[in-house]
Amino acid sequence: MTVGNPTAKIVSFALPLVLGYILQQVYLIVDAAIVGRWIGVEALAAVGASSSIMFLIMGFCNGSCAGFAIPVAQTFGAKDYSKMRSYVANAIRVAVVIAVVLTIVTCIFCARILRVVNTPDDIFHDAFVFLFLQFLTIPFTIAFNLLAGFIRALGNSRQPFYFLIAASLLNVLLDVILIMMMGWGVEGAGIATLLSQLFSALLCMVYIRKHLQVLIPTRSERAYHDRMVGHLLNAGIPMGLQFSITGIGIIMLQSANNALGTVYVAAFTASMRVKYLFTCVFENIGVAMATYCGQNLGGHQVVRIKDGVRSAIKIMLVYFVFTVLIIYPFADNMMMAFVDTHDTSVQSSVAIVENAAMFMRIANYFYPALGLLTILRYSIQGMGYSNLSMLSGVMEMIARCGVSLWIVPAFHFLGVCYGDPVAWVSADLFLVPAFIYVYRRLRKKENVKS
């Protein structure tokens, strides 16, 4: 990604990422639709009652793994392959520790966590079962994201996309078998997710062994290096904490929403599932920028970073127009997939659809703010300033906490709808000057060396 047209490079790298994550979100939507229609509204609420918790935990895992891949991308861009493999070995070592600790701690405190977010009593049991199974999935989620991050660091974003296709199809198939045919309820949904994540991690492992042996460390390259571990932690932990800090704000928002009742929990669950289907595009444009900036920094092509950011913003705005044309007229229709609105015994179904559609439309108006956030945040990370990107997560957390404490009690679910937009705008107010500062600083360093 250090040569050629930045727009073409970003699009070609991001497209498989986008398609992969869209597919991933589609199977999450199918999962929620199967739960909502075949088990019931209460089960849908139970599955979604802990979504903010999973964002915090999985966000930390995914963010950390993305950060661990940045030194790999930088050393690959510098063509220092031995050092790159040493980073791979030490990143795996750190990731194993994180996976073991997180899985044990979250499983032990699963019930307490659900109480913290005000999970309604009528869905508590199902919510506990589903969340516990999600926590058992943590090691496989970390394994996939770490190995996929290594593959993408070398500029190959297509292979992880294919693996996501396979895992998504397996997840949907298992949903049909375990929920619709065997009647396992939310347990079936949780087990389907666990097995599909394990499958995707195994696919990455097999592919690296067969086709990317340049990533496999030799015996001497597997040695523990304090400095490398420190660099990995400095790149990965701030990215993980950035998501976790953001997740704290989301937990506050969901806790305030859960207190409104089961109908609003179900509406929040449905709208968030579909929202992630659209917003994952912005997220993956950002992921592409992290690799783009990392490789160009390693290849001493800092001037290309600014061009790349401009190209990414143009791509983002084109996509935003597309989302408006889809979401504004069809939001209600999309929400109907989660509930049976023709069932007269479920009077809450119509309210769920109306509130979820309102959530989708309000968030859609602010997608450019989200797009700018992801582009600048990941670019700053790729340039080696993860601590600054983490501070943007603090801005998001403060904004969501403010909405939860003051706006939601006053405006109820309408206030919940403005939780994300307020957070995105707040983060942008920090990220724009932060990116300008980082870029100018790197340009000065490059000029001094030349």
Protein backbone atom coordinates (compact mmCIF):
# COMPACT_ATOMS: atom_id res chain seq x y z
CA MET A 1 0.00 0.00 0.00
CA THR A 2 3.06 2.25 -0.24
CA VAL A 3 2.72 2.79 -4.00
CA GLY A 4 -0.13 3.50 -6.41
CA ASN A 5 -3.35 5.49 -6.20
CA PRO A 6 -4.46 5.78 -2.53
CA THR A 7 -8.19 5.55 -3.34
CA ALA A 8 -7.75 2.37 -5.37
CA LYS A 9 -5.52 0.83 -2.70
CA ILE A 10 -7.93 1.65 0.12
CA VAL A 11 -10.98 0.42 -1.81
CA SER A 12 -9.30 -2.82 -2.89
CA PHE A 13 -8.16 -3.52 0.67
CA ALA A 14 -11.35 -2.41 2.41
CA LEU A 15 -13.86 -4.09 0.08
CA PRO A 16 -13.23 -7.68 1.26
CA LEU A 17 -13.25 -6.41 4.85
CA VAL A 18 -16.55 -4.65 4.30
CA LEU A 19 -18.17 -7.61 2.55
CA GLY A 20 -16.93 -9.94 5.27
CA TYR A 21 -18.29 -7.88 8.11
CA ILE A 22 -21.55 -7.20 6.30
CA LEU A 23 -21.95 -10.95 6.01
CA GLN A 24 -21.08 -11.31 9.68
CA GLN A 25 -23.73 -8.74 10.60
CA VAL A 26 -26.23 -10.45 8.32
CA TYR A 27 -25.89 -13.69 10.24
CA LEU A 28 -26.27 -11.77 13.51
CA ILE A 29 -29.47 -10.27 12.10
CA VAL A 30 -30.66 -13.71 10.99
CA ASP A 31 -29.75 -15.02 14.44
CA ALA A 32 -31.83 -12.30 16.14
CA ALA A 33 -34.70 -12.74 13.67
CA ILE A 34 -34.83 -16.49 14.32
CA VAL A 35 -34.78 -15.88 18.08
CA GLY A 36 -37.45 -13.17 17.90
CA ARG A 37 -39.84 -15.00 15.58
CA TRP A 38 -39.39 -18.63 16.67
CA ILE A 39 -38.78 -18.17 20.42
CA GLY A 40 -40.43 -14.84 21.19
CA VAL A 41 -39.97 -11.14 21.99
CA GLU A 42 -38.72 -11.95 25.49
CA ALA A 43 -35.97 -14.16 24.07
CA LEU A 44 -34.99 -11.40 21.62
CA ALA A 45 -34.73 -9.00 24.55
CA ALA A 46 -32.67 -11.57 26.51
CA VAL A 47 -30.19 -11.93 23.65
CA GLY A 48 -29.86 -8.15 23.35
CA ALA A 49 -29.87 -7.26 27.05
CA SER A 50 -26.13 -7.89 27.25
CA SER A 51 -25.11 -6.47 23.85
CA SER A 52 -23.32 -3.51 25.45
CA ILE A 53 -21.38 -5.90 27.70
CA MET A 54 -20.29 -7.88 24.67
CA PHE A 55 -19.28 -4.68 22.91
CA LEU A 56 -17.04 -3.83 25.87
CA ILE A 57 -15.43 -7.27 26.18
CA MET A 58 -15.20 -8.19 22.49
CA GLY A 59 -14.30 -4.62 21.62
CA PHE A 60 -11.30 -4.87 23.92
CA CYS A 61 -10.32 -8.20 22.35
CA ASN A 62 -10.75 -7.01 18.76
CA GLY A 63 -9.12 -3.64 19.39
CA SER A 64 -6.12 -5.21 21.11
CA CYS A 65 -5.65 -7.72 18.29
CA ALA A 66 -5.86 -4.93 15.70
CA GLY A 67 -3.22 -3.03 17.65
CA PHE A 68 -0.95 -6.08 17.84
CA ALA A 69 -1.07 -6.27 14.03
CA ILE A 70 0.18 -2.69 13.57
CA PRO A 71 3.87 -3.45 14.38
CA VAL A 72 3.58 -6.42 12.03
CA ALA A 73 2.33 -4.12 9.25
CA GLN A 74 5.06 -1.56 9.98
CA THR A 75 7.89 -4.11 9.90
CA PHE A 76 6.42 -5.69 6.79
CA GLY A 77 6.36 -2.27 5.12
CA ALA A 78 10.02 -1.84 6.14
CA LYS A 79 10.78 -5.36 4.76
CA ASP A 80 12.27 -6.48 8.10
CA TYR A 81 10.72 -9.94 8.04
CA SER A 82 12.69 -11.48 10.90
CA LYS A 83 11.59 -8.72 13.24
CA MET A 84 8.05 -9.08 11.93
CA ARG A 85 7.99 -12.78 12.88
CA SER A 86 9.32 -11.96 16.35
CA TYR A 87 6.41 -9.56 16.76
CA VAL A 88 4.05 -12.34 15.66
CA ALA A 89 5.42 -14.75 18.28
CA ASN A 90 5.22 -12.23 21.11
CA ALA A 91 1.76 -11.06 20.06
CA ILE A 92 0.47 -14.64 20.29
CA ARG A 93 2.03 -14.95 23.75
CA VAL A 94 0.29 -11.80 24.98
CA ALA A 95 -3.03 -12.71 23.35
CA VAL A 96 -3.12 -16.13 25.09
CA VAL A 97 -2.74 -14.47 28.50
CA ILE A 98 -5.51 -11.96 27.72
CA ALA A 99 -7.84 -14.73 26.50
CA VAL A 100 -7.40 -16.90 29.60
CA VAL A 101 -7.79 -14.05 32.10
CA LEU A 102 -10.81 -12.47 30.38
CA THR A 103 -12.67 -15.77 29.99
CA ILE A 104 -12.23 -16.78 33.63
CA VAL A 105 -13.12 -13.37 35.08
CA THR A 106 -16.17 -12.74 32.88
CA CYS A 107 -17.64 -16.20 33.45
CA ILE A 108 -17.29 -15.84 37.23
CA PHE A 109 -19.02 -12.45 37.31
CA CYS A 110 -21.60 -13.12 34.57
CA ALA A 111 -24.70 -12.80 36.81
CA ARG A 112 -23.42 -9.68 38.56
CA ILE A 113 -22.72 -8.03 35.22
CA LEU A 114 -26.33 -8.55 34.12
CA ARG A 115 -27.59 -7.02 37.36
CA VAL A 116 -25.39 -3.97 36.80
CA VAL A 117 -27.11 -3.23 33.47
CA ASN A 118 -30.61 -3.51 34.98
CA THR A 119 -31.62 -6.66 33.11
CA PRO A 120 -35.39 -7.18 33.62
CA ASP A 121 -36.27 -10.16 35.84
CA ASP A 122 -38.54 -11.77 33.26
CA ILE A 123 -35.63 -12.29 30.84
CA PHE A 124 -32.76 -12.67 33.34
CA HIS A 125 -32.33 -16.46 33.08
CA ASP A 126 -32.15 -16.53 29.29
CA ALA A 127 -29.89 -13.47 29.29
CA PHE A 128 -27.51 -15.23 31.72
CA VAL A 129 -27.34 -18.41 29.63
CA PHE A 130 -26.67 -16.51 26.41
CA LEU A 131 -24.05 -14.18 27.93
CA PHE A 132 -22.21 -17.05 29.65
CA LEU A 133 -21.89 -18.86 26.32
CA GLN A 134 -20.66 -15.64 24.70
CA PHE A 135 -17.95 -15.35 27.34
CA LEU A 136 -16.81 -18.91 26.56
CA THR A 137 -16.35 -17.75 22.97
CA ILE A 138 -13.71 -15.15 23.94
CA PRO A 139 -10.60 -17.34 23.23
CA PHE A 140 -11.85 -18.21 19.74
CA THR A 141 -12.75 -14.60 18.98
CA ILE A 142 -9.28 -13.45 20.01
CA ALA A 143 -7.64 -16.23 17.98
CA PHE A 144 -9.54 -15.30 14.81
CA ASN A 145 -8.99 -11.55 15.12
CA LEU A 146 -5.29 -11.93 15.89
CA LEU A 147 -4.57 -14.34 13.03
CA ALA A 148 -6.78 -12.39 10.61
CA GLY A 149 -4.96 -9.22 11.69
CA PHE A 150 -1.61 -10.81 10.78
CA ILE A 151 -2.93 -11.79 7.35
CA ARG A 152 -4.31 -8.30 6.72
CA ALA A 153 -1.06 -6.69 7.90
CA LEU A 154 0.56 -8.25 4.82
CA GLY A 155 -2.04 -6.56 2.60
CA ASN A 156 -4.30 -9.61 2.17
CA SER A 157 -7.82 -8.76 3.29
CA ARG A 158 -9.56 -11.28 1.04
CA GLN A 159 -8.73 -14.49 2.86
CA PRO A 160 -10.25 -13.45 6.21
CA PHE A 161 -13.33 -12.44 4.20
CA TYR A 162 -13.66 -15.96 2.83
CA PHE A 163 -13.29 -17.37 6.32
CA LEU A 164 -16.06 -15.08 7.57
CA ILE A 165 -18.29 -16.35 4.78
CA ALA A 166 -17.72 -19.93 5.88
CA ALA A 167 -18.24 -19.10 9.57
CA SER A 168 -21.40 -17.09 8.84
CA LEU A 169 -22.96 -19.89 6.82
CA LEU A 170 -22.10 -22.36 9.58
CA ASN A 171 -23.66 -20.06 12.20
CA VAL A 172 -26.93 -19.74 10.29
CA LEU A 173 -27.04 -23.49 9.65
CA LEU A 174 -26.49 -24.20 13.34
CA ASP A 175 -29.21 -21.67 14.25
CA VAL A 176 -31.67 -23.52 12.06
CA ILE A 177 -30.70 -26.90 13.49
CA LEU A 178 -30.38 -25.96 17.17
CA ILE A 179 -33.20 -23.41 17.49
CA MET A 180 -35.80 -24.21 14.84
CA MET A 181 -35.38 -27.98 14.63
CA MET A 182 -34.15 -28.98 18.09
CA GLY A 183 -35.84 -26.20 20.08
CA TRP A 184 -32.81 -25.31 22.21
CA GLY A 185 -33.83 -21.63 22.56
CA VAL A 186 -31.18 -19.04 23.44
CA GLU A 187 -28.76 -21.85 24.33
CA GLY A 188 -28.80 -22.85 20.66
CA ALA A 189 -28.00 -19.28 19.58
CA GLY A 190 -25.05 -19.12 21.97
CA ILE A 191 -23.64 -22.50 20.98
CA ALA A 192 -23.98 -21.66 17.28
CA THR A 193 -21.89 -18.51 17.77
CA LEU A 194 -19.24 -20.36 19.77
CA LEU A 195 -18.76 -23.12 17.20
CA SER A 196 -18.68 -20.73 14.23
CA GLN A 197 -16.00 -18.58 15.91
CA LEU A 198 -13.91 -21.69 16.61
CA PHE A 199 -14.27 -22.71 12.96
CA SER A 200 -13.11 -19.31 11.66
CA ALA A 201 -10.03 -19.36 13.92
CA LEU A 202 -9.07 -22.83 12.69
CA LEU A 203 -9.40 -21.72 9.07
CA CYS A 204 -6.98 -18.81 9.68
CA MET A 205 -4.50 -21.13 11.37
CA VAL A 206 -4.54 -23.66 8.54
CA TYR A 207 -4.17 -20.94 5.88
CA ILE A 208 -1.13 -19.36 7.56
CA ARG A 209 0.56 -22.73 7.93
CA LYS A 210 0.03 -23.61 4.26
CA HIS A 211 0.33 -20.27 2.43
CA LEU A 212 1.92 -17.60 4.67
CA GLN A 213 4.94 -19.28 6.16
CA VAL A 214 6.65 -15.88 6.13
CA LEU A 215 4.57 -15.24 9.28
CA ILE A 216 5.66 -18.40 11.09
CA PRO A 217 8.52 -17.63 13.52
CA THR A 218 11.63 -19.79 13.66
CA ARG A 219 12.87 -21.13 17.00
CA SER A 220 15.15 -18.15 17.61
CA GLU A 221 12.40 -15.70 16.61
CA ARG A 222 10.01 -17.16 19.20
CA ALA A 223 12.07 -15.81 22.10
CA TYR A 224 10.42 -13.47 24.56
CA HIS A 225 11.47 -9.82 24.06
CA ASP A 226 10.59 -7.24 26.71
CA ARG A 227 10.91 -4.35 24.29
CA MET A 228 8.71 -6.00 21.65
CA VAL A 229 6.08 -6.95 24.21
CA GLY A 230 6.15 -3.38 25.47
CA HIS A 231 5.67 -2.07 21.93
CA LEU A 232 2.83 -4.52 21.30
CA LEU A 233 1.10 -3.56 24.54
CA ASN A 234 1.58 0.11 23.73
CA ALA A 235 -0.05 -0.42 20.32
CA GLY A 236 -2.73 -2.92 21.32
CA ILE A 237 -3.91 -2.16 24.85
CA PRO A 238 -4.82 1.50 24.15
CA MET A 239 -6.84 0.32 21.14
CA GLY A 240 -8.54 -2.31 23.28
CA LEU A 241 -9.15 0.17 26.09
CA GLN A 242 -10.48 2.64 23.55
CA PHE A 243 -13.28 0.19 22.74
CA SER A 244 -13.75 -0.69 26.40
CA ILE A 245 -13.93 2.94 27.44
CA THR A 246 -16.44 3.49 24.66
CA GLY A 247 -18.20 0.35 25.87
CA ILE A 248 -18.61 1.81 29.36
CA GLY A 249 -20.65 4.61 27.85
CA ILE A 250 -22.68 2.09 25.84
CA ILE A 251 -23.29 0.06 28.99
CA MET A 252 -24.56 3.18 30.74
CA LEU A 253 -26.83 3.87 27.77
CA GLN A 254 -28.14 0.30 27.64
CA SER A 255 -28.62 0.25 31.41
CA ALA A 256 -30.79 3.37 31.13
CA ASN A 257 -32.67 1.77 28.21
CA ASN A 258 -33.14 -1.58 30.02
CA ALA A 259 -34.82 0.28 32.87
CA LEU A 260 -37.51 1.42 30.40
CA GLY A 261 -38.81 -2.17 30.04
CA THR A 262 -38.68 -5.28 27.85
CA VAL A 263 -40.29 -3.60 24.80
CA TYR A 264 -37.51 -1.02 24.64
CA VAL A 265 -34.83 -3.66 25.24
CA ALA A 266 -36.18 -5.57 22.22
CA ALA A 267 -36.38 -2.38 20.13
CA PHE A 268 -32.78 -1.51 21.07
CA THR A 269 -31.65 -5.04 20.19
CA ALA A 270 -33.29 -5.03 16.76
CA SER A 271 -32.09 -1.54 15.84
CA MET A 272 -28.52 -2.21 16.97
CA ARG A 273 -28.33 -5.39 14.90
CA VAL A 274 -29.32 -3.52 11.72
CA LYS A 275 -27.29 -0.43 12.62
CA TYR A 276 -24.12 -2.52 12.81
CA LEU A 277 -24.92 -3.92 9.36
CA PHE A 278 -24.59 -0.40 7.93
CA THR A 279 -21.92 1.06 10.23
CA CYS A 280 -19.49 -1.85 9.84
CA VAL A 281 -18.58 -0.30 6.47
CA PHE A 282 -17.26 2.81 8.24
CA GLU A 283 -15.42 0.62 10.73
CA ASN A 284 -13.67 -1.34 8.00
CA ILE A 285 -12.69 1.74 6.03
CA GLY A 286 -10.98 2.69 9.27
CA VAL A 287 -9.30 -0.72 9.59
CA ALA A 288 -7.99 -0.31 6.04
CA MET A 289 -6.58 3.09 7.03
CA ALA A 290 -4.71 1.59 9.99
CA THR A 291 -2.88 -0.81 7.67
CA TYR A 292 -2.44 1.87 4.99
CA CYS A 293 -0.92 4.35 7.45
CA GLY A 294 1.18 1.68 9.17
CA GLN A 295 2.75 0.47 5.93
CA ASN A 296 3.39 4.00 4.63
CA LEU A 297 4.92 5.04 7.94
CA GLY A 298 7.20 1.99 7.85
CA GLY A 299 8.06 2.71 4.21
CA HIS A 300 8.83 6.40 4.98
CA GLN A 301 5.95 7.66 2.81
CA VAL A 302 4.27 9.95 5.33
CA VAL A 303 3.03 12.35 2.65
CA ARG A 304 0.80 9.56 1.28
CA ILE A 305 -1.05 9.36 4.61
CA LYS A 306 -2.77 12.73 4.06
CA ASP A 307 -3.80 11.71 0.54
CA GLY A 308 -5.14 8.44 1.88
CA VAL A 309 -7.26 10.16 4.54
CA ARG A 310 -8.78 12.48 1.92
CA SER A 311 -9.60 9.51 -0.29
CA ALA A 312 -11.16 7.62 2.63
CA ILE A 313 -13.39 10.59 3.51
CA LYS A 314 -14.65 10.79 -0.09
CA ILE A 315 -15.42 7.04 -0.07
CA MET A 316 -17.23 7.43 3.25
CA LEU A 317 -19.45 10.27 2.00
CA VAL A 318 -20.48 8.34 -1.10
CA TYR A 319 -21.47 5.41 1.10
CA PHE A 320 -23.40 7.74 3.45
CA VAL A 321 -25.64 8.86 0.57
CA PHE A 322 -26.35 5.21 -0.18
CA THR A 323 -27.40 4.52 3.43
CA VAL A 324 -29.84 7.44 3.43
CA LEU A 325 -31.55 6.05 0.32
CA ILE A 326 -31.99 2.69 2.05
CA ILE A 327 -32.61 3.46 5.71
CA TYR A 328 -34.96 6.44 5.56
CA PRO A 329 -37.73 4.81 3.47
CA PHE A 330 -37.30 1.19 4.58
CA ALA A 331 -36.38 1.31 8.30
CA ASP A 332 -39.81 0.05 9.43
CA ASN A 333 -39.73 -2.84 6.96
CA MET A 334 -36.28 -3.90 8.18
CA MET A 335 -37.42 -3.93 11.81
CA MET A 336 -40.42 -6.14 10.98
CA ALA A 337 -38.01 -9.01 10.37
CA PHE A 338 -37.47 -9.36 14.12
CA VAL A 339 -41.07 -9.65 15.34
CA ASP A 340 -44.37 -11.08 14.19
CA THR A 341 -46.50 -7.95 13.75
CA HIS A 342 -49.47 -10.05 12.60
CA ASP A 343 -49.68 -11.85 15.94
CA THR A 344 -52.48 -10.01 17.75
CA SER A 345 -51.44 -11.56 21.06
CA VAL A 346 -48.21 -9.60 20.97
CA GLN A 347 -49.37 -5.98 21.12
CA SER A 348 -45.86 -4.77 21.86
CA SER A 349 -44.60 -5.82 18.40
CA VAL A 350 -45.81 -2.63 16.70
CA ALA A 351 -44.20 -0.47 19.40
CA ILE A 352 -40.93 -2.37 18.97
CA VAL A 353 -40.92 -1.75 15.21
CA GLU A 354 -41.77 1.96 15.54
CA ASN A 355 -39.12 2.66 18.18
CA ALA A 356 -36.42 0.62 16.45
CA ALA A 357 -37.07 2.39 13.13
CA MET A 358 -36.86 5.78 14.84
CA PHE A 359 -33.50 4.77 16.35
CA MET A 360 -32.19 3.76 12.91
CA ARG A 361 -33.23 7.00 11.17
CA ILE A 362 -31.82 9.33 13.83
CA ALA A 363 -28.48 7.51 13.87
CA ASN A 364 -28.36 7.58 10.05
CA TYR A 365 -28.39 11.39 9.95
CA PHE A 366 -25.09 11.39 11.87
CA TYR A 367 -23.23 8.69 9.89
CA PRO A 368 -20.73 11.23 8.44
CA ALA A 369 -19.63 12.00 12.01
CA LEU A 370 -19.10 8.26 12.60
CA GLY A 371 -17.24 7.87 9.31
CA LEU A 372 -14.86 10.71 10.13
CA LEU A 373 -14.35 9.22 13.60
CA THR A 374 -13.30 5.79 12.33
CA ILE A 375 -11.04 7.16 9.59
CA LEU A 376 -9.13 9.51 11.87
CA ARG A 377 -9.02 7.15 14.84
CA TYR A 378 -7.55 4.22 12.91
CA SER A 379 -5.20 6.49 10.95
CA ILE A 380 -3.78 7.85 14.20
CA GLN A 381 -3.36 4.28 15.46
CA GLY A 382 -1.60 3.24 12.27
CA MET A 383 0.79 6.17 12.69
CA GLY A 384 1.77 4.84 16.12
CA TYR A 385 -0.18 7.19 18.43
CA SER A 386 -2.66 4.76 20.00
CA ASN A 387 -2.85 6.74 23.22
CA LEU A 388 -4.39 9.69 21.40
CA SER A 389 -6.98 7.50 19.73
CA MET A 390 -7.83 6.06 23.15
CA LEU A 391 -8.63 9.56 24.40
CA SER A 392 -11.28 9.82 21.68
CA GLY A 393 -12.93 6.82 23.32
CA VAL A 394 -12.97 8.77 26.58
CA MET A 395 -14.86 11.56 24.80
CA GLU A 396 -17.42 9.02 23.56
CA MET A 397 -17.81 7.55 27.04
CA ILE A 398 -18.39 10.94 28.66
CA ALA A 399 -20.97 11.86 26.02
CA ARG A 400 -22.93 8.60 26.39
CA CYS A 401 -22.84 8.81 30.18
CA GLY A 402 -24.23 12.33 29.98
CA VAL A 403 -27.03 11.19 27.68
CA SER A 404 -27.81 8.25 30.00
CA LEU A 405 -27.90 10.34 33.17
CA TRP A 406 -29.78 13.40 31.92
CA ILE A 407 -31.33 12.99 28.46
CA VAL A 408 -32.81 9.47 28.71
CA PRO A 409 -34.67 10.16 32.02
CA ALA A 410 -36.19 13.27 30.42
CA PHE A 411 -36.97 11.98 26.90
CA HIS A 412 -37.03 8.17 27.45
CA PHE A 413 -36.29 6.14 24.28
CA LEU A 414 -35.91 9.28 22.15
CA GLY A 415 -32.98 10.15 24.39
CA VAL A 416 -31.50 6.69 23.79
CA CYS A 417 -31.66 7.37 20.05
CA TYR A 418 -29.33 10.36 20.45
CA GLY A 419 -26.76 8.49 22.55
CA ASP A 420 -24.56 7.41 19.62
CA PRO A 421 -24.77 10.66 17.59
CA VAL A 422 -23.76 12.82 20.56
CA ALA A 423 -20.83 10.47 21.25
CA TRP A 424 -19.63 10.50 17.62
CA VAL A 425 -19.64 14.29 17.37
CA SER A 426 -17.83 14.60 20.72
CA ALA A 427 -15.08 12.23 19.57
CA ASP A 428 -14.63 14.14 16.30
CA LEU A 429 -14.07 17.38 18.20
CA PHE A 430 -10.98 15.72 19.65
CA LEU A 431 -9.82 13.62 16.68
CA VAL A 432 -9.64 16.35 14.04
CA PRO A 433 -7.01 18.47 15.85
CA ALA A 434 -5.28 15.29 17.09
CA PHE A 435 -4.78 14.00 13.54
CA ILE A 436 -3.46 17.37 12.35
CA TYR A 437 -0.98 17.39 15.25
CA VAL A 438 0.25 13.83 14.60
CA TYR A 439 0.58 14.29 10.83
CA ARG A 440 2.55 17.52 11.16
CA ARG A 441 4.83 15.96 13.74
CA LEU A 442 5.62 12.97 11.51
CA ARG A 443 6.23 15.24 8.52
CA LYS A 444 8.76 17.25 10.53
CA LYS A 445 10.56 14.07 11.56
CA GLU A 446 10.67 12.87 7.96
CA ASN A 447 12.05 16.21 6.75
CA VAL A 448 14.77 16.17 9.41
CA LYS A 449 15.87 12.63 8.38
CA SER A 450 15.93 13.57 4.70
